[in-house]
Amino acid sequence: MTEPDITQELDTSGLLCPLPVLKARRALNTMHSGQRLRVIATDAKAPGDFAAFCQQSGDLLLETTQDGERFRIVVQKA
């Protein structure tokens, strides 16, 4: 996914569940439909938490990648 595809990036490194999802939800609430949020997280539960969040919110989980201890999660606003 290229940088122009990302509308906003949120670094939640060091935060534990549920804070990464709560901060992402707050950011997504300010965004328009179709815009994309990239979240950087270090909590090992983040991928599962974001999958559950997107199922509940209707937003699209586009990407989850891991680089060492860091996760990059891309969510598209519904």
C-alpha atoms as a PDB file:
ATOM      1  CA  MET A   1       0.000   0.000   0.000  1.00  0.00           C
ATOM      2  CA  THR A   2       1.518   3.313  -1.041  1.00  0.00           C
ATOM      3  CA  GLU A   3       1.702   6.420   1.111  1.00  0.00           C
ATOM      4  CA  PRO A   4      -0.899   8.376  -0.926  1.00  0.00           C
ATOM      5  CA  ASP A   5      -3.430   5.683  -0.024  1.00  0.00           C
ATOM      6  CA  ILE A   6      -3.050   6.506   3.682  1.00  0.00           C
ATOM      7  CA  THR A   7      -5.003   9.502   4.977  1.00  0.00           C
ATOM      8  CA  GLN A   8      -3.740   9.445   8.563  1.00  0.00           C
ATOM      9  CA  GLU A   9      -1.222   7.490  10.630  1.00  0.00           C
ATOM     10  CA  LEU A  10      -1.552   6.762  14.331  1.00  0.00           C
ATOM     11  CA  ASP A  11       1.355   5.430  16.393  1.00  0.00           C
ATOM     12  CA  THR A  12       0.112   3.503  19.422  1.00  0.00           C
ATOM     13  CA  SER A  13       3.436   1.822  20.187  1.00  0.00           C
ATOM     14  CA  GLY A  14       3.713   0.888  23.845  1.00  0.00           C
ATOM     15  CA  LEU A  15      -0.035   1.079  24.488  1.00  0.00           C
ATOM     16  CA  LEU A  16      -1.923  -2.022  25.588  1.00  0.00           C
ATOM     17  CA  CYS A  17      -5.440  -3.216  24.799  1.00  0.00           C
ATOM     18  CA  PRO A  18      -7.895  -1.549  24.504  1.00  0.00           C
ATOM     19  CA  LEU A  19      -6.084   1.776  23.983  1.00  0.00           C
ATOM     20  CA  PRO A  20      -4.910   1.232  20.369  1.00  0.00           C
ATOM     21  CA  VAL A  21      -8.471   0.463  19.239  1.00  0.00           C
ATOM     22  CA  LEU A  22      -9.965   3.313  21.269  1.00  0.00           C
ATOM     23  CA  LYS A  23      -7.513   5.816  19.788  1.00  0.00           C
ATOM     24  CA  ALA A  24      -8.147   4.449  16.298  1.00  0.00           C
ATOM     25  CA  ARG A  25     -11.905   4.735  16.761  1.00  0.00           C
ATOM     26  CA  ARG A  26     -11.484   8.358  17.818  1.00  0.00           C
ATOM     27  CA  ALA A  27      -9.357   9.053  14.729  1.00  0.00           C
ATOM     28  CA  LEU A  28     -11.783   7.243  12.400  1.00  0.00           C
ATOM     29  CA  ASN A  29     -14.661   9.328  13.768  1.00  0.00           C
ATOM     30  CA  THR A  30     -12.981  12.423  12.280  1.00  0.00           C
ATOM     31  CA  MET A  31     -12.437  10.827   8.865  1.00  0.00           C
ATOM     32  CA  HIS A  32     -14.649  10.522   5.773  1.00  0.00           C
ATOM     33  CA  SER A  33     -15.881   7.317   4.166  1.00  0.00           C
ATOM     34  CA  GLY A  34     -13.162   5.665   2.081  1.00  0.00           C
ATOM     35  CA  GLN A  35     -10.271   7.329   3.902  1.00  0.00           C
ATOM     36  CA  ARG A  36      -7.613   5.074   5.365  1.00  0.00           C
ATOM     37  CA  LEU A  37      -5.967   5.008   8.775  1.00  0.00           C
ATOM     38  CA  ARG A  38      -2.667   3.217   9.375  1.00  0.00           C
ATOM     39  CA  VAL A  39      -2.115   2.194  12.986  1.00  0.00           C
ATOM     40  CA  ILE A  40       1.308   1.226  14.313  1.00  0.00           C
ATOM     41  CA  ALA A  41       0.971  -1.009  17.377  1.00  0.00           C
ATOM     42  CA  THR A  42       3.215  -3.174  19.540  1.00  0.00           C
ATOM     43  CA  ASP A  43       0.492  -4.961  21.531  1.00  0.00           C
ATOM     44  CA  ALA A  44       0.404  -8.599  20.387  1.00  0.00           C
ATOM     45  CA  LYS A  45      -3.394  -8.565  20.746  1.00  0.00           C
ATOM     46  CA  ALA A  46      -3.807  -5.655  18.312  1.00  0.00           C
ATOM     47  CA  PRO A  47      -4.457  -7.709  15.137  1.00  0.00           C
ATOM     48  CA  GLY A  48      -7.295  -9.634  16.774  1.00  0.00           C
ATOM     49  CA  ASP A  49      -8.660  -6.546  18.482  1.00  0.00           C
ATOM     50  CA  PHE A  50      -8.786  -4.632  15.196  1.00  0.00           C
ATOM     51  CA  ALA A  51     -10.429  -7.544  13.386  1.00  0.00           C
ATOM     52  CA  ALA A  52     -13.172  -7.629  16.033  1.00  0.00           C
ATOM     53  CA  PHE A  53     -13.502  -3.844  15.999  1.00  0.00           C
ATOM     54  CA  CYS A  54     -13.936  -3.740  12.219  1.00  0.00           C
ATOM     55  CA  GLN A  55     -16.561  -6.496  12.310  1.00  0.00           C
ATOM     56  CA  GLN A  56     -18.489  -4.490  14.860  1.00  0.00           C
ATOM     57  CA  SER A  57     -18.019  -1.024  13.318  1.00  0.00           C
ATOM     58  CA  GLY A  58     -18.430  -1.974   9.670  1.00  0.00           C
ATOM     59  CA  ASP A  59     -15.068  -0.435   8.763  1.00  0.00           C
ATOM     60  CA  LEU A  60     -12.787  -2.463   6.500  1.00  0.00           C
ATOM     61  CA  LEU A  61      -9.619  -4.101   7.796  1.00  0.00           C
ATOM     62  CA  LEU A  62      -7.419  -3.849   4.702  1.00  0.00           C
ATOM     63  CA  GLU A  63      -4.027  -4.934   5.959  1.00  0.00           C
ATOM     64  CA  THR A  64      -2.266  -6.367   8.974  1.00  0.00           C
ATOM     65  CA  THR A  65       1.482  -6.855   8.703  1.00  0.00           C
ATOM     66  CA  GLN A  66       4.128  -7.568  11.297  1.00  0.00           C
ATOM     67  CA  ASP A  67       7.690  -6.261  11.292  1.00  0.00           C
ATOM     68  CA  GLY A  68       9.478  -7.571  14.366  1.00  0.00           C
ATOM     69  CA  GLU A  69       7.404  -6.493  17.356  1.00  0.00           C
ATOM     70  CA  ARG A  70       5.509  -3.824  15.397  1.00  0.00           C
ATOM     71  CA  PHE A  71       2.201  -4.315  13.653  1.00  0.00           C
ATOM     72  CA  ARG A  72       0.972  -2.126  10.817  1.00  0.00           C
ATOM     73  CA  ILE A  73      -2.788  -2.176  10.569  1.00  0.00           C
ATOM     74  CA  VAL A  74      -4.709  -0.343   7.847  1.00  0.00           C
ATOM     75  CA  VAL A  75      -8.400   0.374   8.314  1.00  0.00           C
ATOM     76  CA  GLN A  76     -10.658   2.010   5.739  1.00  0.00           C
ATOM     77  CA  LYS A  77     -13.523   4.108   7.088  1.00  0.00           C
ATOM     78  CA  ALA A  78     -16.904   2.689   6.055  1.00  0.00           C
END
